[in-house]
Amino acid sequence: MNLKNFNFFQFLGWFGNIILSIGVIPQVYQTWTTHDVSSFNWSFLLMWAFGVFFTFIYILHDNYRDQKYQYPLLLNYLVNIIATFYLVFAKFMYS
């Protein structure tokens, strides 16, 4: 990242994606400590998990093709993939 070309919209992208990335952490922590997955809907979890996974693949492909890496998006989707697949795993294990 070139700080000389860093602008307000890049700041918004970073800030928004960091918020989205850490927004899932309280749910993961609560699930980890309580093992309570009763409120999780399978349809929601699976659609969310595969949605973030496929979007991550799309972003990787576009970034590689254009040789312009959008690190805020990559961070957001990578964290969400890990967190969401943990929640799917927890739903399977603790149900």
PDB file of N, CA and C in Angstrom:
ATOM      1  N   MET A   1       0.854  -1.175   0.000  1.00  0.00           N
ATOM      2  CA  MET A   1       0.000   0.000   0.000  1.00  0.00           C
ATOM      3  C   MET A   1       0.895   1.231   0.000  1.00  0.00           C
ATOM      4  N   ASN A   2       0.639   2.128  -0.910  1.00  0.00           N
ATOM      5  CA  ASN A   2       1.410   3.356  -1.036  1.00  0.00           C
ATOM      6  C   ASN A   2       0.699   4.451  -0.245  1.00  0.00           C
ATOM      7  N   LEU A   3       1.316   4.898   0.843  1.00  0.00           N
ATOM      8  CA  LEU A   3       0.671   5.903   1.696  1.00  0.00           C
ATOM      9  C   LEU A   3       0.477   7.233   0.984  1.00  0.00           C
ATOM     10  N   LYS A   4       1.320   7.510   0.001  1.00  0.00           N
ATOM     11  CA  LYS A   4       1.185   8.767  -0.742  1.00  0.00           C
ATOM     12  C   LYS A   4      -0.141   8.811  -1.513  1.00  0.00           C
ATOM     13  N   ASN A   5      -0.592   7.674  -2.004  1.00  0.00           N
ATOM     14  CA  ASN A   5      -1.828   7.608  -2.775  1.00  0.00           C
ATOM     15  C   ASN A   5      -3.025   7.165  -1.942  1.00  0.00           C
ATOM     16  N   PHE A   6      -2.844   7.006  -0.647  1.00  0.00           N
ATOM     17  CA  PHE A   6      -3.922   6.569   0.242  1.00  0.00           C
ATOM     18  C   PHE A   6      -4.937   7.702   0.351  1.00  0.00           C
ATOM     19  N   ASN A   7      -6.183   7.421   0.042  1.00  0.00           N
ATOM     20  CA  ASN A   7      -7.192   8.476   0.067  1.00  0.00           C
ATOM     21  C   ASN A   7      -8.352   8.132   1.000  1.00  0.00           C
ATOM     22  N   PHE A   8      -9.292   9.012   1.061  1.00  0.00           N
ATOM     23  CA  PHE A   8     -10.427   8.861   1.948  1.00  0.00           C
ATOM     24  C   PHE A   8     -11.221   7.594   1.653  1.00  0.00           C
ATOM     25  N   PHE A   9     -11.391   7.255   0.386  1.00  0.00           N
ATOM     26  CA  PHE A   9     -12.170   6.075   0.029  1.00  0.00           C
ATOM     27  C   PHE A   9     -11.442   4.788   0.394  1.00  0.00           C
ATOM     28  N   GLN A  10     -10.123   4.809   0.297  1.00  0.00           N
ATOM     29  CA  GLN A  10      -9.365   3.659   0.767  1.00  0.00           C
ATOM     30  C   GLN A  10      -9.517   3.516   2.280  1.00  0.00           C
ATOM     31  N   PHE A  11      -9.494   4.643   2.988  1.00  0.00           N
ATOM     32  CA  PHE A  11      -9.714   4.613   4.424  1.00  0.00           C
ATOM     33  C   PHE A  11     -11.083   4.001   4.746  1.00  0.00           C
ATOM     34  N   LEU A  12     -12.113   4.436   4.026  1.00  0.00           N
ATOM     35  CA  LEU A  12     -13.450   3.881   4.242  1.00  0.00           C
ATOM     36  C   LEU A  12     -13.468   2.380   3.983  1.00  0.00           C
ATOM     37  N   GLY A  13     -12.790   1.946   2.923  1.00  0.00           N
ATOM     38  CA  GLY A  13     -12.714   0.519   2.609  1.00  0.00           C
ATOM     39  C   GLY A  13     -12.045  -0.267   3.722  1.00  0.00           C
ATOM     40  N   TRP A  14     -10.903   0.227   4.171  1.00  0.00           N
ATOM     41  CA  TRP A  14     -10.200  -0.445   5.266  1.00  0.00           C
ATOM     42  C   TRP A  14     -11.050  -0.453   6.520  1.00  0.00           C
ATOM     43  N   PHE A  15     -11.597   0.692   6.900  1.00  0.00           N
ATOM     44  CA  PHE A  15     -12.364   0.814   8.128  1.00  0.00           C
ATOM     45  C   PHE A  15     -13.598  -0.090   8.091  1.00  0.00           C
ATOM     46  N   GLY A  16     -14.325  -0.033   7.006  1.00  0.00           N
ATOM     47  CA  GLY A  16     -15.523  -0.864   6.879  1.00  0.00           C
ATOM     48  C   GLY A  16     -15.220  -2.344   6.916  1.00  0.00           C
ATOM     49  N   ASN A  17     -14.190  -2.753   6.227  1.00  0.00           N
ATOM     50  CA  ASN A  17     -13.859  -4.176   6.195  1.00  0.00           C
ATOM     51  C   ASN A  17     -13.278  -4.664   7.513  1.00  0.00           C
ATOM     52  N   ILE A  18     -12.579  -3.816   8.220  1.00  0.00           N
ATOM     53  CA  ILE A  18     -12.096  -4.201   9.553  1.00  0.00           C
ATOM     54  C   ILE A  18     -13.283  -4.389  10.495  1.00  0.00           C
ATOM     55  N   ILE A  19     -14.249  -3.475  10.428  1.00  0.00           N
ATOM     56  CA  ILE A  19     -15.450  -3.615  11.256  1.00  0.00           C
ATOM     57  C   ILE A  19     -16.178  -4.918  10.914  1.00  0.00           C
ATOM     58  N   LEU A  20     -16.334  -5.200   9.635  1.00  0.00           N
ATOM     59  CA  LEU A  20     -16.995  -6.442   9.229  1.00  0.00           C
ATOM     60  C   LEU A  20     -16.204  -7.670   9.674  1.00  0.00           C
ATOM     61  N   SER A  21     -14.891  -7.576   9.630  1.00  0.00           N
ATOM     62  CA  SER A  21     -14.057  -8.705  10.026  1.00  0.00           C
ATOM     63  C   SER A  21     -14.175  -9.004  11.507  1.00  0.00           C
ATOM     64  N   ILE A  22     -14.158  -7.973  12.331  1.00  0.00           N
ATOM     65  CA  ILE A  22     -14.208  -8.224  13.772  1.00  0.00           C
ATOM     66  C   ILE A  22     -15.639  -8.353  14.279  1.00  0.00           C
ATOM     67  N   GLY A  23     -16.609  -8.003  13.451  1.00  0.00           N
ATOM     68  CA  GLY A  23     -18.002  -8.105  13.863  1.00  0.00           C
ATOM     69  C   GLY A  23     -18.447  -9.528  14.147  1.00  0.00           C
ATOM     70  N   VAL A  24     -17.833 -10.497  13.534  1.00  0.00           N
ATOM     71  CA  VAL A  24     -18.213 -11.899  13.720  1.00  0.00           C
ATOM     72  C   VAL A  24     -17.547 -12.504  14.964  1.00  0.00           C
ATOM     73  N   ILE A  25     -16.516 -11.859  15.466  1.00  0.00           N
ATOM     74  CA  ILE A  25     -15.744 -12.424  16.580  1.00  0.00           C
ATOM     75  C   ILE A  25     -16.587 -12.611  17.854  1.00  0.00           C
ATOM     76  N   PRO A  26     -17.448 -11.670  18.249  1.00  0.00           N
ATOM     77  CA  PRO A  26     -18.269 -11.919  19.445  1.00  0.00           C
ATOM     78  C   PRO A  26     -19.138 -13.178  19.326  1.00  0.00           C
ATOM     79  N   GLN A  27     -19.693 -13.417  18.132  1.00  0.00           N
ATOM     80  CA  GLN A  27     -20.513 -14.616  17.948  1.00  0.00           C
ATOM     81  C   GLN A  27     -19.668 -15.876  18.044  1.00  0.00           C
ATOM     82  N   VAL A  28     -18.493 -15.846  17.431  1.00  0.00           N
ATOM     83  CA  VAL A  28     -17.594 -17.000  17.504  1.00  0.00           C
ATOM     84  C   VAL A  28     -17.184 -17.250  18.953  1.00  0.00           C
ATOM     85  N   TYR A  29     -16.846 -16.197  19.682  1.00  0.00           N
ATOM     86  CA  TYR A  29     -16.434 -16.344  21.077  1.00  0.00           C
ATOM     87  C   TYR A  29     -17.571 -16.912  21.927  1.00  0.00           C
ATOM     88  N   GLN A  30     -18.768 -16.375  21.748  1.00  0.00           N
ATOM     89  CA  GLN A  30     -19.921 -16.869  22.514  1.00  0.00           C
ATOM     90  C   GLN A  30     -20.187 -18.335  22.204  1.00  0.00           C
ATOM     91  N   THR A  31     -20.116 -18.694  20.942  1.00  0.00           N
ATOM     92  CA  THR A  31     -20.343 -20.088  20.557  1.00  0.00           C
ATOM     93  C   THR A  31     -19.246 -20.982  21.130  1.00  0.00           C
ATOM     94  N   TRP A  32     -18.013 -20.524  21.080  1.00  0.00           N
ATOM     95  CA  TRP A  32     -16.878 -21.280  21.594  1.00  0.00           C
ATOM     96  C   TRP A  32     -17.042 -21.552  23.092  1.00  0.00           C
ATOM     97  N   THR A  33     -17.474 -20.554  23.847  1.00  0.00           N
ATOM     98  CA  THR A  33     -17.538 -20.701  25.302  1.00  0.00           C
ATOM     99  C   THR A  33     -18.820 -21.388  25.781  1.00  0.00           C
ATOM    100  N   THR A  34     -19.943 -21.174  25.098  1.00  0.00           N
ATOM    101  CA  THR A  34     -21.207 -21.740  25.575  1.00  0.00           C
ATOM    102  C   THR A  34     -21.629 -23.009  24.848  1.00  0.00           C
ATOM    103  N   HIS A  35     -21.115 -23.207  23.655  1.00  0.00           N
ATOM    104  CA  HIS A  35     -21.509 -24.329  22.787  1.00  0.00           C
ATOM    105  C   HIS A  35     -22.998 -24.272  22.445  1.00  0.00           C
ATOM    106  N   ASP A  36     -23.591 -23.102  22.584  1.00  0.00           N
ATOM    107  CA  ASP A  36     -25.012 -22.934  22.274  1.00  0.00           C
ATOM    108  C   ASP A  36     -25.165 -22.526  20.808  1.00  0.00           C
ATOM    109  N   VAL A  37     -25.685 -23.434  20.037  1.00  0.00           N
ATOM    110  CA  VAL A  37     -25.891 -23.176  18.606  1.00  0.00           C
ATOM    111  C   VAL A  37     -27.362 -23.310  18.234  1.00  0.00           C
ATOM    112  N   SER A  38     -28.211 -23.320  19.239  1.00  0.00           N
ATOM    113  CA  SER A  38     -29.631 -23.571  19.001  1.00  0.00           C
ATOM    114  C   SER A  38     -30.288 -22.509  18.123  1.00  0.00           C
ATOM    115  N   SER A  39     -29.777 -21.300  18.151  1.00  0.00           N
ATOM    116  CA  SER A  39     -30.413 -20.233  17.360  1.00  0.00           C
ATOM    117  C   SER A  39     -29.877 -20.158  15.931  1.00  0.00           C
ATOM    118  N   PHE A  40     -28.880 -20.954  15.603  1.00  0.00           N
ATOM    119  CA  PHE A  40     -28.328 -20.921  14.244  1.00  0.00           C
ATOM    120  C   PHE A  40     -29.195 -21.744  13.306  1.00  0.00           C
ATOM    121  N   ASN A  41     -29.541 -21.146  12.193  1.00  0.00           N
ATOM    122  CA  ASN A  41     -30.308 -21.817  11.170  1.00  0.00           C
ATOM    123  C   ASN A  41     -29.342 -22.416  10.154  1.00  0.00           C
ATOM    124  N   TRP A  42     -29.506 -23.716   9.848  1.00  0.00           N
ATOM    125  CA  TRP A  42     -28.607 -24.372   8.900  1.00  0.00           C
ATOM    126  C   TRP A  42     -28.577 -23.672   7.545  1.00  0.00           C
ATOM    127  N   SER A  43     -29.727 -23.286   7.050  1.00  0.00           N
ATOM    128  CA  SER A  43     -29.775 -22.632   5.735  1.00  0.00           C
ATOM    129  C   SER A  43     -28.948 -21.354   5.742  1.00  0.00           C
ATOM    130  N   PHE A  44     -29.130 -20.543   6.775  1.00  0.00           N
ATOM    131  CA  PHE A  44     -28.365 -19.305   6.876  1.00  0.00           C
ATOM    132  C   PHE A  44     -26.869 -19.593   6.949  1.00  0.00           C
ATOM    133  N   LEU A  45     -26.467 -20.489   7.836  1.00  0.00           N
ATOM    134  CA  LEU A  45     -25.042 -20.771   8.014  1.00  0.00           C
ATOM    135  C   LEU A  45     -24.391 -21.263   6.728  1.00  0.00           C
ATOM    136  N   LEU A  46     -25.038 -22.205   6.056  1.00  0.00           N
ATOM    137  CA  LEU A  46     -24.445 -22.759   4.834  1.00  0.00           C
ATOM    138  C   LEU A  46     -24.416 -21.747   3.694  1.00  0.00           C
ATOM    139  N   MET A  47     -25.492 -20.970   3.549  1.00  0.00           N
ATOM    140  CA  MET A  47     -25.485 -19.946   2.496  1.00  0.00           C
ATOM    141  C   MET A  47     -24.437 -18.880   2.788  1.00  0.00           C
ATOM    142  N   TRP A  48     -24.315 -18.471   4.040  1.00  0.00           N
ATOM    143  CA  TRP A  48     -23.317 -17.472   4.422  1.00  0.00           C
ATOM    144  C   TRP A  48     -21.907 -18.013   4.179  1.00  0.00           C
ATOM    145  N   ALA A  49     -21.639 -19.251   4.621  1.00  0.00           N
ATOM    146  CA  ALA A  49     -20.309 -19.842   4.485  1.00  0.00           C
ATOM    147  C   ALA A  49     -19.893 -19.946   3.022  1.00  0.00           C
ATOM    148  N   PHE A  50     -20.754 -20.506   2.205  1.00  0.00           N
ATOM    149  CA  PHE A  50     -20.392 -20.654   0.797  1.00  0.00           C
ATOM    150  C   PHE A  50     -20.412 -19.325   0.060  1.00  0.00           C
ATOM    151  N   GLY A  51     -21.283 -18.413   0.468  1.00  0.00           N
ATOM    152  CA  GLY A  51     -21.296 -17.077  -0.139  1.00  0.00           C
ATOM    153  C   GLY A  51     -19.990 -16.336   0.081  1.00  0.00           C
ATOM    154  N   VAL A  52     -19.487 -16.331   1.319  1.00  0.00           N
ATOM    155  CA  VAL A  52     -18.217 -15.638   1.568  1.00  0.00           C
ATOM    156  C   VAL A  52     -17.053 -16.365   0.902  1.00  0.00           C
ATOM    157  N   PHE A  53     -17.112 -17.691   0.855  1.00  0.00           N
ATOM    158  CA  PHE A  53     -16.045 -18.457   0.206  1.00  0.00           C
ATOM    159  C   PHE A  53     -15.981 -18.164  -1.291  1.00  0.00           C
ATOM    160  N   PHE A  54     -17.116 -18.226  -1.965  1.00  0.00           N
ATOM    161  CA  PHE A  54     -17.136 -17.980  -3.410  1.00  0.00           C
ATOM    162  C   PHE A  54     -16.785 -16.531  -3.735  1.00  0.00           C
ATOM    163  N   THR A  55     -17.234 -15.595  -2.907  1.00  0.00           N
ATOM    164  CA  THR A  55     -16.886 -14.189  -3.121  1.00  0.00           C
ATOM    165  C   THR A  55     -15.388 -13.980  -2.934  1.00  0.00           C
ATOM    166  N   PHE A  56     -14.793 -14.651  -1.967  1.00  0.00           N
ATOM    167  CA  PHE A  56     -13.347 -14.572  -1.753  1.00  0.00           C
ATOM    168  C   PHE A  56     -12.587 -15.072  -2.986  1.00  0.00           C
ATOM    169  N   ILE A  57     -13.029 -16.181  -3.550  1.00  0.00           N
ATOM    170  CA  ILE A  57     -12.401 -16.718  -4.770  1.00  0.00           C
ATOM    171  C   ILE A  57     -12.521 -15.702  -5.906  1.00  0.00           C
ATOM    172  N   TYR A  58     -13.689 -15.101  -6.052  1.00  0.00           N
ATOM    173  CA  TYR A  58     -13.912 -14.088  -7.083  1.00  0.00           C
ATOM    174  C   TYR A  58     -12.968 -12.898  -6.896  1.00  0.00           C
ATOM    175  N   ILE A  59     -12.853 -12.411  -5.657  1.00  0.00           N
ATOM    176  CA  ILE A  59     -11.980 -11.273  -5.381  1.00  0.00           C
ATOM    177  C   ILE A  59     -10.527 -11.641  -5.672  1.00  0.00           C
ATOM    178  N   LEU A  60     -10.105 -12.836  -5.246  1.00  0.00           N
ATOM    179  CA  LEU A  60      -8.735 -13.282  -5.540  1.00  0.00           C
ATOM    180  C   LEU A  60      -8.475 -13.313  -7.039  1.00  0.00           C
ATOM    181  N   HIS A  61      -9.416 -13.849  -7.790  1.00  0.00           N
ATOM    182  CA  HIS A  61      -9.263 -13.938  -9.246  1.00  0.00           C
ATOM    183  C   HIS A  61      -9.141 -12.555  -9.871  1.00  0.00           C
ATOM    184  N   ASP A  62     -10.045 -11.659  -9.508  1.00  0.00           N
ATOM    185  CA  ASP A  62      -9.995 -10.301 -10.055  1.00  0.00           C
ATOM    186  C   ASP A  62      -8.715  -9.577  -9.659  1.00  0.00           C
ATOM    187  N   ASN A  63      -8.312  -9.723  -8.409  1.00  0.00           N
ATOM    188  CA  ASN A  63      -7.083  -9.070  -7.948  1.00  0.00           C
ATOM    189  C   ASN A  63      -5.877  -9.590  -8.707  1.00  0.00           C
ATOM    190  N   TYR A  64      -5.813 -10.896  -8.912  1.00  0.00           N
ATOM    191  CA  TYR A  64      -4.691 -11.495  -9.633  1.00  0.00           C
ATOM    192  C   TYR A  64      -4.700 -11.051 -11.095  1.00  0.00           C
ATOM    193  N   ARG A  65      -5.881 -11.059 -11.699  1.00  0.00           N
ATOM    194  CA  ARG A  65      -5.998 -10.665 -13.106  1.00  0.00           C
ATOM    195  C   ARG A  65      -5.574  -9.223 -13.320  1.00  0.00           C
ATOM    196  N   ASP A  66      -6.027  -8.333 -12.439  1.00  0.00           N
ATOM    197  CA  ASP A  66      -5.743  -6.906 -12.590  1.00  0.00           C
ATOM    198  C   ASP A  66      -4.442  -6.472 -11.928  1.00  0.00           C
ATOM    199  N   GLN A  67      -3.816  -7.390 -11.185  1.00  0.00           N
ATOM    200  CA  GLN A  67      -2.605  -7.074 -10.433  1.00  0.00           C
ATOM    201  C   GLN A  67      -2.799  -5.872  -9.513  1.00  0.00           C
ATOM    202  N   LYS A  68      -4.010  -5.780  -8.970  1.00  0.00           N
ATOM    203  CA  LYS A  68      -4.355  -4.723  -8.021  1.00  0.00           C
ATOM    204  C   LYS A  68      -5.049  -5.396  -6.843  1.00  0.00           C
ATOM    205  N   TYR A  69      -4.354  -5.473  -5.748  1.00  0.00           N
ATOM    206  CA  TYR A  69      -4.852  -6.240  -4.611  1.00  0.00           C
ATOM    207  C   TYR A  69      -5.622  -5.361  -3.640  1.00  0.00           C
ATOM    208  N   GLN A  70      -6.827  -5.783  -3.353  1.00  0.00           N
ATOM    209  CA  GLN A  70      -7.705  -5.062  -2.442  1.00  0.00           C
ATOM    210  C   GLN A  70      -7.622  -5.741  -1.077  1.00  0.00           C
ATOM    211  N   TYR A  71      -6.606  -5.375  -0.332  1.00  0.00           N
ATOM    212  CA  TYR A  71      -6.331  -6.038   0.937  1.00  0.00           C
ATOM    213  C   TYR A  71      -7.454  -5.930   1.959  1.00  0.00           C
ATOM    214  N   PRO A  72      -8.188  -4.808   2.035  1.00  0.00           N
ATOM    215  CA  PRO A  72      -9.310  -4.780   2.988  1.00  0.00           C
ATOM    216  C   PRO A  72     -10.349  -5.859   2.697  1.00  0.00           C
ATOM    217  N   LEU A  73     -10.682  -6.047   1.424  1.00  0.00           N
ATOM    218  CA  LEU A  73     -11.652  -7.074   1.065  1.00  0.00           C
ATOM    219  C   LEU A  73     -11.113  -8.462   1.355  1.00  0.00           C
ATOM    220  N   LEU A  74      -9.850  -8.686   1.027  1.00  0.00           N
ATOM    221  CA  LEU A  74      -9.253  -9.995   1.279  1.00  0.00           C
ATOM    222  C   LEU A  74      -9.249 -10.312   2.768  1.00  0.00           C
ATOM    223  N   LEU A  75      -8.890  -9.339   3.599  1.00  0.00           N
ATOM    224  CA  LEU A  75      -8.898  -9.527   5.045  1.00  0.00           C
ATOM    225  C   LEU A  75     -10.303  -9.853   5.540  1.00  0.00           C
ATOM    226  N   ASN A  76     -11.269  -9.060   5.126  1.00  0.00           N
ATOM    227  CA  ASN A  76     -12.647  -9.265   5.552  1.00  0.00           C
ATOM    228  C   ASN A  76     -13.131 -10.666   5.197  1.00  0.00           C
ATOM    229  N   TYR A  77     -12.971 -11.052   3.966  1.00  0.00           N
ATOM    230  CA  TYR A  77     -13.499 -12.341   3.542  1.00  0.00           C
ATOM    231  C   TYR A  77     -12.725 -13.511   4.133  1.00  0.00           C
ATOM    232  N   LEU A  78     -11.438 -13.384   4.303  1.00  0.00           N
ATOM    233  CA  LEU A  78     -10.668 -14.456   4.918  1.00  0.00           C
ATOM    234  C   LEU A  78     -11.098 -14.675   6.369  1.00  0.00           C
ATOM    235  N   VAL A  79     -11.239 -13.610   7.128  1.00  0.00           N
ATOM    236  CA  VAL A  79     -11.696 -13.725   8.522  1.00  0.00           C
ATOM    237  C   VAL A  79     -13.105 -14.309   8.564  1.00  0.00           C
ATOM    238  N   ASN A  80     -13.972 -13.843   7.669  1.00  0.00           N
ATOM    239  CA  ASN A  80     -15.342 -14.349   7.656  1.00  0.00           C
ATOM    240  C   ASN A  80     -15.418 -15.807   7.233  1.00  0.00           C
ATOM    241  N   ILE A  81     -14.561 -16.238   6.333  1.00  0.00           N
ATOM    242  CA  ILE A  81     -14.530 -17.647   5.943  1.00  0.00           C
ATOM    243  C   ILE A  81     -14.173 -18.509   7.148  1.00  0.00           C
ATOM    244  N   ILE A  82     -13.117 -18.134   7.837  1.00  0.00           N
ATOM    245  CA  ILE A  82     -12.679 -18.912   8.998  1.00  0.00           C
ATOM    246  C   ILE A  82     -13.768 -18.934  10.068  1.00  0.00           C
ATOM    247  N   ALA A  83     -14.322 -17.771  10.386  1.00  0.00           N
ATOM    248  CA  ALA A  83     -15.329 -17.677  11.435  1.00  0.00           C
ATOM    249  C   ALA A  83     -16.605 -18.431  11.059  1.00  0.00           C
ATOM    250  N   THR A  84     -17.048 -18.256   9.843  1.00  0.00           N
ATOM    251  CA  THR A  84     -18.304 -18.874   9.431  1.00  0.00           C
ATOM    252  C   THR A  84     -18.174 -20.381   9.349  1.00  0.00           C
ATOM    253  N   PHE A  85     -17.046 -20.873   8.827  1.00  0.00           N
ATOM    254  CA  PHE A  85     -16.885 -22.317   8.777  1.00  0.00           C
ATOM    255  C   PHE A  85     -16.728 -22.902  10.182  1.00  0.00           C
ATOM    256  N   TYR A  86     -16.180 -22.122  11.130  1.00  0.00           N
ATOM    257  CA  TYR A  86     -16.172 -22.579  12.523  1.00  0.00           C
ATOM    258  C   TYR A  86     -17.601 -22.691  13.045  1.00  0.00           C
ATOM    259  N   LEU A  87     -18.439 -21.704  12.748  1.00  0.00           N
ATOM    260  CA  LEU A  87     -19.825 -21.747  13.221  1.00  0.00           C
ATOM    261  C   LEU A  87     -20.583 -22.930  12.611  1.00  0.00           C
ATOM    262  N   VAL A  88     -20.311 -23.249  11.354  1.00  0.00           N
ATOM    263  CA  VAL A  88     -20.918 -24.428  10.729  1.00  0.00           C
ATOM    264  C   VAL A  88     -20.432 -25.687  11.451  1.00  0.00           C
ATOM    265  N   PHE A  89     -19.138 -25.765  11.708  1.00  0.00           N
ATOM    266  CA  PHE A  89     -18.565 -26.895  12.438  1.00  0.00           C
ATOM    267  C   PHE A  89     -19.200 -27.010  13.826  1.00  0.00           C
ATOM    268  N   ALA A  90     -19.334 -25.889  14.524  1.00  0.00           N
ATOM    269  CA  ALA A  90     -19.914 -25.886  15.865  1.00  0.00           C
ATOM    270  C   ALA A  90     -21.371 -26.344  15.822  1.00  0.00           C
ATOM    271  N   LYS A  91     -22.110 -25.875  14.833  1.00  0.00           N
ATOM    272  CA  LYS A  91     -23.517 -26.286  14.699  1.00  0.00           C
ATOM    273  C   LYS A  91     -23.592 -27.794  14.505  1.00  0.00           C
ATOM    274  N   PHE A  92     -22.701 -28.331  13.725  1.00  0.00           N
ATOM    275  CA  PHE A  92     -22.670 -29.780  13.486  1.00  0.00           C
ATOM    276  C   PHE A  92     -22.284 -30.524  14.758  1.00  0.00           C
ATOM    277  N   MET A  93     -21.280 -30.037  15.466  1.00  0.00           N
ATOM    278  CA  MET A  93     -20.767 -30.747  16.645  1.00  0.00           C
ATOM    279  C   MET A  93     -21.668 -30.623  17.861  1.00  0.00           C
ATOM    280  N   TYR A  94     -22.272 -29.461  18.074  1.00  0.00           N
ATOM    281  CA  TYR A  94     -22.986 -29.201  19.328  1.00  0.00           C
ATOM    282  C   TYR A  94     -24.502 -29.359  19.214  1.00  0.00           C
ATOM    283  N   SER A  95     -24.995 -29.674  18.032  1.00  0.00           N
ATOM    284  CA  SER A  95     -26.452 -29.847  17.876  1.00  0.00           C
ATOM    285  C   SER A  95     -26.884 -31.207  18.381  1.00  0.00           C
TER     286      SER A  95
END
